Amino acid sequence: MKKLALLATALAMVSAPALAADMRVKAAKAPPPVAFDPWDIAFGAGITNNYVFRGITQSNNKPSVSAYFEPRFNLNKDFQLYVGLGAASISFPNRAAAEVDVYGGARATFGAFAFDVGAWGYLYPGGTCHYGAAADAAGRPLSNECLVNVLLNGNVIKKDLSFFEVYGKVNYTFNDSFSMGGNVYYTPSFLNSGAEGTYASIVGKAIAPGTWFGSSGIGMYVSGEFGRQWLGTSDSFYGVAAFPNGINYADYNTWNIGIGFTYKVFTLDLRYSDTDLSKGNCNAFTSDFAARGNISAGSGTSITPINPTGVGSNWCGAAGIVRLSADLTAMTNLK
């Protein structure tokens, strides 16, 4: 009996620490879950040799710089609200030197589909009216500013070209390498001309496999867009003798294709852009201050029903675009 008692005591002494250790493991608390922070901020900047918007230069085929700031609120991982403020340097016929963008909307994902709806305001401060007459083609009086300022090529331009668009976008991601989408934008007065504008396009993007560049961190993509811009009739400010109450701007197609290289937050994009707008219809639409020529009617003329002066613009022609940009978000890049 004494031997049994001693054996029981020894076993108890050996097993007690093990049981105590087991109790400490079981009692340890799991780390608290990471709190969901719905707020994020995206921002970036870029420089390009030519700021082209829907096939038309906004910078007189000269370099442009841009920047943006976009606070975001994520209701959950699939639904985001956002607002944004951006700016870019431009060269407009009314001598406005900057475009200021104010926008906002909502983004949602449903499986492979991504949707984006919102409104975008384009503001062009610092403009001056150029007309060179006291009244427009319909006899409506103009300001003294419009009277005393004139473009040498005979084009006319309003002081304020600011306007807004509403838009909807959808994108479908087939896999890690390929996606396609569509966009629609609408404005009741494109560039404050009085003419309605609807722009629709299809886009596609193919991303190169990450193994192509090994562990260098470099990525590559090829992307393109084909779009059509429908335009209505301007107000009388842009009227001509044959159409004193306004001109019906020519609709046009535009397309671009390019290749891009990414490294961390940087993107280098090389792109070709073009449109099917004639030089004459381009001039009527843009009021290009750099447009030249006054070709008589015949082959190759820039005279069109809405551009009777024959002045032709190169703002809508083929363009090679090189853009270097940096884009980052606070939650991803600044933690």
Protein backbone atom coordinates (compact mmCIF):
# COMPACT_ATOMS: atom_id res chain seq x y z
CA MET A 1 0.00 0.00 0.00
CA LYS A 2 2.82 2.38 0.83
CA LYS A 3 4.35 1.69 -2.57
CA LEU A 4 1.06 2.41 -4.30
CA ALA A 5 0.65 5.65 -2.37
CA LEU A 6 4.14 6.81 -3.29
CA LEU A 7 3.55 5.96 -6.94
CA ALA A 8 0.29 7.92 -6.98
CA THR A 9 1.98 10.90 -5.39
CA ALA A 10 4.79 10.84 -7.97
CA LEU A 11 2.38 10.66 -10.87
CA ALA A 12 0.42 13.59 -9.50
CA MET A 13 3.59 15.66 -9.18
CA VAL A 14 4.67 14.88 -12.75
CA SER A 15 1.29 15.45 -14.36
CA ALA A 16 0.34 18.62 -12.47
CA PRO A 17 2.63 20.98 -14.41
CA ALA A 18 1.49 19.51 -17.70
CA LEU A 19 -2.14 20.07 -16.79
CA ALA A 20 -1.37 23.59 -15.68
CA ALA A 21 0.39 24.28 -18.99
CA ASP A 22 -2.59 22.90 -20.85
CA MET A 23 -4.86 25.22 -18.92
CA ARG A 24 -2.74 28.23 -19.85
CA VAL A 25 -2.94 27.37 -23.57
CA LYS A 26 -6.68 26.89 -23.44
CA ALA A 27 -7.17 30.10 -21.55
CA ALA A 28 -5.15 32.24 -24.00
CA LYS A 29 -7.37 34.76 -25.84
CA ALA A 30 -7.46 34.97 -29.64
CA PRO A 31 -6.14 38.27 -31.07
CA PRO A 32 -8.92 40.78 -31.72
CA PRO A 33 -10.13 40.98 -35.33
CA VAL A 34 -8.71 43.81 -37.40
CA ALA A 35 -11.17 46.71 -37.39
CA PHE A 36 -12.73 47.55 -40.77
CA ASP A 37 -11.80 51.07 -41.81
CA PRO A 38 -14.25 52.26 -44.47
CA TRP A 39 -12.29 55.37 -45.43
CA ASP A 40 -9.59 55.55 -48.07
CA ILE A 41 -7.99 58.24 -50.21
CA ALA A 42 -6.64 57.89 -53.73
CA PHE A 43 -4.41 60.51 -55.29
CA GLY A 44 -1.91 60.90 -58.06
CA ALA A 45 -0.30 63.07 -60.70
CA GLY A 46 0.88 62.77 -64.27
CA ILE A 47 2.67 64.46 -67.13
CA THR A 48 2.01 63.95 -70.83
CA ASN A 49 3.29 65.31 -74.11
CA ASN A 50 -0.32 65.94 -75.26
CA TYR A 51 -3.58 66.01 -73.28
CA VAL A 52 -6.07 64.31 -75.61
CA PHE A 53 -9.73 63.98 -74.63
CA ARG A 54 -11.93 61.81 -76.85
CA GLY A 55 -9.55 62.21 -79.74
CA ILE A 56 -9.17 66.00 -79.47
CA THR A 57 -6.20 67.79 -77.93
CA GLN A 58 -6.96 70.00 -74.96
CA SER A 59 -3.44 71.41 -74.79
CA ASN A 60 -2.82 72.58 -78.40
CA ASN A 61 -0.70 69.44 -78.97
CA LYS A 62 1.65 70.60 -76.21
CA PRO A 63 2.65 69.00 -72.87
CA SER A 64 0.26 69.00 -69.93
CA VAL A 65 0.47 68.19 -66.23
CA SER A 66 -2.37 66.90 -64.06
CA ALA A 67 -3.18 65.83 -60.50
CA TYR A 68 -6.19 64.50 -58.59
CA PHE A 69 -7.39 63.78 -55.05
CA GLU A 70 -10.21 61.29 -54.38
CA PRO A 71 -11.62 60.46 -50.91
CA ARG A 72 -13.52 57.15 -50.81
CA PHE A 73 -15.99 55.56 -48.40
CA ASN A 74 -16.42 51.78 -48.56
CA LEU A 75 -19.77 50.63 -47.22
CA ASN A 76 -18.42 47.10 -47.65
CA LYS A 77 -15.90 45.32 -49.86
CA ASP A 78 -18.28 45.48 -52.85
CA PHE A 79 -19.75 49.00 -52.65
CA GLN A 80 -17.89 52.31 -52.62
CA LEU A 81 -18.90 55.98 -52.64
CA TYR A 82 -16.39 58.56 -53.84
CA VAL A 83 -15.85 62.22 -54.61
CA GLY A 84 -12.89 63.77 -56.36
CA LEU A 85 -11.08 66.94 -57.29
CA GLY A 86 -8.63 67.13 -60.18
CA ALA A 87 -6.85 69.65 -62.38
CA ALA A 88 -4.92 69.67 -65.65
CA SER A 89 -3.12 72.33 -67.65
CA ILE A 90 -4.79 73.14 -70.98
CA SER A 91 -4.62 75.65 -73.84
CA PHE A 92 -8.11 76.74 -74.93
CA PRO A 93 -9.18 79.33 -77.51
CA ASN A 94 -10.68 81.53 -74.77
CA ARG A 95 -7.25 81.50 -73.09
CA ALA A 96 -8.35 79.37 -70.16
CA ALA A 97 -5.18 77.67 -68.91
CA ALA A 98 -6.57 75.08 -66.50
CA GLU A 99 -9.28 72.46 -66.34
CA VAL A 100 -10.65 71.79 -62.86
CA ASP A 101 -12.64 68.57 -62.42
CA VAL A 102 -15.17 68.02 -59.64
CA TYR A 103 -16.85 64.62 -59.61
CA GLY A 104 -18.57 62.00 -57.49
CA GLY A 105 -20.36 58.71 -57.74
CA ALA A 106 -20.69 55.11 -56.61
CA ARG A 107 -18.85 51.91 -57.57
CA ALA A 108 -20.17 48.40 -57.05
CA THR A 109 -18.96 44.91 -57.90
CA PHE A 110 -21.08 41.82 -58.43
CA GLY A 111 -18.87 38.86 -59.12
CA ALA A 112 -16.93 39.56 -62.32
CA PHE A 113 -18.97 42.71 -63.06
CA ALA A 114 -17.95 46.19 -61.88
CA PHE A 115 -20.27 49.20 -62.18
CA ASP A 116 -19.60 52.92 -61.80
CA VAL A 117 -22.21 55.71 -61.99
CA GLY A 118 -21.79 59.38 -61.21
CA ALA A 119 -21.53 62.98 -62.38
CA TRP A 120 -18.50 64.94 -63.56
CA GLY A 121 -18.10 68.71 -63.71
CA TYR A 122 -15.51 70.30 -66.03
CA LEU A 123 -14.63 73.84 -64.97
CA TYR A 124 -12.47 76.20 -67.05
CA PRO A 125 -11.73 79.35 -65.05
CA GLY A 126 -10.00 82.40 -66.45
CA GLY A 127 -11.58 82.47 -69.91
CA THR A 128 -12.25 85.53 -72.07
CA CYS A 129 -14.97 85.89 -74.70
CA HIS A 130 -13.69 86.32 -78.27
CA TYR A 131 -16.16 87.34 -80.99
CA GLY A 132 -15.29 90.72 -82.54
CA ALA A 133 -18.87 91.96 -82.96
CA ALA A 134 -21.62 93.50 -80.87
CA ALA A 135 -24.18 90.81 -81.79
CA ASP A 136 -24.12 87.16 -82.88
CA ALA A 137 -25.35 85.73 -86.20
CA ALA A 138 -28.95 85.77 -84.97
CA GLY A 139 -28.73 89.41 -83.89
CA ARG A 140 -28.56 88.68 -80.17
CA PRO A 141 -26.43 91.31 -78.39
CA LEU A 142 -23.09 90.30 -76.87
CA SER A 143 -21.03 91.80 -74.07
CA ASN A 144 -18.40 94.45 -74.60
CA GLU A 145 -15.77 91.84 -73.78
CA CYS A 146 -16.93 89.75 -76.74
CA LEU A 147 -16.82 92.86 -78.94
CA VAL A 148 -13.27 93.97 -78.16
CA ASN A 149 -11.62 90.53 -78.28
CA VAL A 150 -11.16 88.70 -81.57
CA LEU A 151 -9.34 85.59 -82.80
CA LEU A 152 -7.30 86.36 -85.91
CA ASN A 153 -8.56 83.30 -87.80
CA GLY A 154 -12.21 84.36 -87.43
CA ASN A 155 -13.24 81.74 -84.90
CA VAL A 156 -15.42 82.69 -81.93
CA ILE A 157 -15.41 81.31 -78.40
CA LYS A 158 -17.36 81.91 -75.19
CA LYS A 159 -15.89 83.19 -71.97
CA ASP A 160 -17.18 80.22 -69.93
CA LEU A 161 -16.93 76.71 -71.38
CA SER A 162 -17.74 74.86 -68.15
CA PHE A 163 -20.20 71.95 -68.31
CA PHE A 164 -21.13 68.70 -66.58
CA GLU A 165 -21.82 65.11 -67.61
CA VAL A 166 -23.56 62.16 -65.99
CA TYR A 167 -22.06 58.77 -66.72
CA GLY A 168 -22.38 55.03 -66.33
CA LYS A 169 -19.68 52.40 -66.77
CA VAL A 170 -19.59 48.62 -66.67
CA ASN A 171 -16.58 46.32 -66.80
CA TYR A 172 -16.38 42.52 -66.95
CA THR A 173 -13.23 40.71 -65.82
CA PHE A 174 -12.87 37.40 -67.63
CA ASN A 175 -9.73 36.36 -65.73
CA ASP A 176 -6.55 37.84 -64.29
CA SER A 177 -5.38 38.74 -67.79
CA PHE A 178 -8.35 40.18 -69.70
CA SER A 179 -11.29 42.54 -69.17
CA MET A 180 -13.77 44.46 -71.34
CA GLY A 181 -16.26 47.21 -70.65
CA GLY A 182 -18.52 49.96 -71.89
CA ASN A 183 -19.06 53.63 -71.00
CA VAL A 184 -21.83 56.17 -71.61
CA TYR A 185 -21.64 59.91 -70.86
CA TYR A 186 -24.34 62.54 -71.38
CA THR A 187 -24.43 66.32 -71.11
CA PRO A 188 -27.19 68.80 -72.01
CA SER A 189 -24.61 71.37 -73.17
CA PHE A 190 -21.16 70.20 -74.25
CA LEU A 191 -18.55 72.88 -73.48
CA ASN A 192 -21.46 75.21 -72.65
CA SER A 193 -22.20 75.42 -76.39
CA GLY A 194 -25.91 74.66 -76.05
CA ALA A 195 -25.42 71.38 -77.95
CA GLU A 196 -26.34 68.10 -76.30
CA GLY A 197 -23.59 65.52 -76.20
CA THR A 198 -23.62 61.75 -75.78
CA TYR A 199 -20.43 59.71 -75.77
CA ALA A 200 -20.38 55.91 -75.79
CA SER A 201 -17.38 53.62 -76.02
CA ILE A 202 -16.15 50.07 -75.59
CA VAL A 203 -12.83 49.38 -73.89
CA GLY A 204 -10.59 46.38 -73.49
CA LYS A 205 -7.46 45.58 -71.52
CA ALA A 206 -5.05 42.62 -71.58
CA ILE A 207 -2.49 42.23 -68.79
CA ALA A 208 0.73 40.34 -69.41
CA PRO A 209 1.50 37.36 -67.14
CA GLY A 210 3.61 38.33 -64.15
CA THR A 211 6.19 35.68 -65.08
CA TRP A 212 7.23 37.69 -68.13
CA PHE A 213 9.32 40.05 -66.02
CA GLY A 214 10.28 37.65 -63.24
CA SER A 215 10.79 39.26 -59.84
CA SER A 216 11.52 42.72 -61.23
CA GLY A 217 8.12 44.09 -60.18
CA ILE A 218 7.45 45.37 -63.70
CA GLY A 219 4.01 44.78 -65.23
CA MET A 220 2.72 45.32 -68.73
CA TYR A 221 -0.68 45.76 -70.39
CA VAL A 222 -2.23 46.51 -73.76
CA SER A 223 -5.48 48.49 -73.86
CA GLY A 224 -7.72 50.20 -76.37
CA GLU A 225 -10.97 52.09 -76.82
CA PHE A 226 -13.40 52.76 -79.64
CA GLY A 227 -15.96 55.49 -79.06
CA ARG A 228 -18.51 57.68 -80.80
CA GLN A 229 -19.42 61.24 -79.86
CA TRP A 230 -22.90 62.41 -80.82
CA LEU A 231 -23.43 66.16 -80.77
CA GLY A 232 -26.51 68.36 -81.14
CA THR A 233 -27.02 71.93 -82.29
CA SER A 234 -25.25 74.86 -80.67
CA ASP A 235 -26.88 78.08 -79.57
CA SER A 236 -26.76 81.21 -81.73
CA PHE A 237 -23.36 82.32 -80.37
CA TYR A 238 -21.75 79.79 -82.74
CA GLY A 239 -24.20 80.38 -85.57
CA VAL A 240 -23.10 81.20 -89.12
CA ALA A 241 -24.89 82.96 -91.98
CA ALA A 242 -26.54 79.76 -93.21
CA PHE A 243 -27.46 78.66 -89.68
CA PRO A 244 -27.86 81.84 -87.60
CA ASN A 245 -29.54 80.10 -84.66
CA GLY A 246 -26.73 77.59 -84.23
CA ILE A 247 -24.76 74.89 -86.05
CA ASN A 248 -25.33 71.16 -85.87
CA TYR A 249 -21.91 69.85 -84.90
CA ALA A 250 -20.66 66.79 -86.76
CA ASP A 251 -20.79 63.47 -84.90
CA TYR A 252 -17.52 61.58 -84.98
CA ASN A 253 -15.73 58.36 -84.09
CA THR A 254 -12.55 58.20 -82.06
CA TRP A 255 -10.23 55.37 -81.12
CA ASN A 256 -6.99 54.75 -79.30
CA ILE A 257 -4.69 51.82 -78.60
CA GLY A 258 -1.60 51.64 -76.46
CA ILE A 259 0.82 49.71 -74.33
CA GLY A 260 1.67 50.45 -70.74
CA PHE A 261 4.34 49.48 -68.24
CA THR A 262 3.83 49.56 -64.48
CA TYR A 263 6.26 49.56 -61.58
CA LYS A 264 4.98 49.98 -58.04
CA VAL A 265 2.84 53.15 -58.18
CA PHE A 266 4.18 54.32 -61.56
CA THR A 267 2.70 53.83 -65.04
CA LEU A 268 4.27 54.69 -68.40
CA ASP A 269 1.62 54.66 -71.12
CA LEU A 270 2.40 54.91 -74.87
CA ARG A 271 -0.70 55.43 -77.00
CA TYR A 272 -1.94 56.23 -80.50
CA SER A 273 -5.17 58.25 -80.81
CA ASP A 274 -7.20 59.37 -83.82
CA THR A 275 -10.64 60.50 -85.02
CA ASP A 276 -12.55 60.67 -88.31
CA LEU A 277 -13.39 64.38 -87.94
CA SER A 278 -12.41 66.48 -90.95
CA LYS A 279 -10.24 69.53 -90.34
CA GLY A 280 -13.15 71.82 -91.18
CA ASN A 281 -15.65 70.16 -88.83
CA CYS A 282 -12.94 69.94 -86.18
CA ASN A 283 -12.43 73.70 -86.44
CA ALA A 284 -16.15 74.39 -86.16
CA PHE A 285 -16.34 72.25 -83.01
CA THR A 286 -13.18 73.41 -81.26
CA SER A 287 -12.82 77.06 -82.37
CA ASP A 288 -9.10 76.28 -82.54
CA PHE A 289 -7.09 79.50 -82.11
CA ALA A 290 -4.18 77.86 -83.96
CA ALA A 291 -6.25 76.83 -87.02
CA ARG A 292 -4.95 78.15 -90.31
CA GLY A 293 -5.87 78.28 -94.02
CA ASN A 294 -8.75 79.50 -96.09
CA ILE A 295 -8.95 76.98 -98.93
CA SER A 296 -11.41 77.53 -101.76
CA ALA A 297 -14.03 74.90 -102.48
CA GLY A 298 -12.68 71.75 -104.10
CA SER A 299 -10.67 68.64 -103.31
CA GLY A 300 -9.13 68.75 -99.85
CA THR A 301 -10.99 71.88 -98.79
CA SER A 302 -11.79 72.59 -95.16
CA ILE A 303 -14.99 74.38 -96.13
CA THR A 304 -18.06 72.59 -94.74
CA PRO A 305 -21.65 73.79 -94.18
CA ILE A 306 -20.83 74.52 -90.53
CA ASN A 307 -17.33 75.86 -91.28
CA PRO A 308 -17.81 78.32 -94.17
CA THR A 309 -14.49 80.14 -93.62
CA GLY A 310 -12.48 77.08 -94.68
CA VAL A 311 -10.12 77.37 -91.72
CA GLY A 312 -8.88 73.91 -90.80
CA SER A 313 -7.81 72.56 -87.39
CA ASN A 314 -5.21 69.92 -86.55
CA TRP A 315 -6.57 69.44 -83.05
CA CYS A 316 -8.53 66.31 -84.04
CA GLY A 317 -5.90 64.46 -86.06
CA ALA A 318 -3.73 61.44 -85.29
CA ALA A 319 -1.60 61.84 -82.17
CA GLY A 320 1.05 59.88 -80.36
CA ILE A 321 0.67 60.21 -76.60
CA VAL A 322 3.28 59.48 -73.93
CA ARG A 323 2.12 59.73 -70.32
CA LEU A 324 3.97 59.07 -67.06
CA SER A 325 1.80 58.92 -63.94
CA ALA A 326 1.86 57.92 -60.29
CA ASP A 327 -1.31 56.63 -58.59
CA LEU A 328 -1.64 55.43 -55.01
CA THR A 329 -4.11 54.93 -52.19
CA ALA A 330 -3.57 55.62 -48.52
CA MET A 331 -4.71 52.19 -47.32
CA THR A 332 -2.49 50.31 -49.78
CA ASN A 333 0.60 52.45 -50.21
CA LEU A 334 0.90 54.57 -47.05
CA LYS A 335 0.41 52.03 -44.30
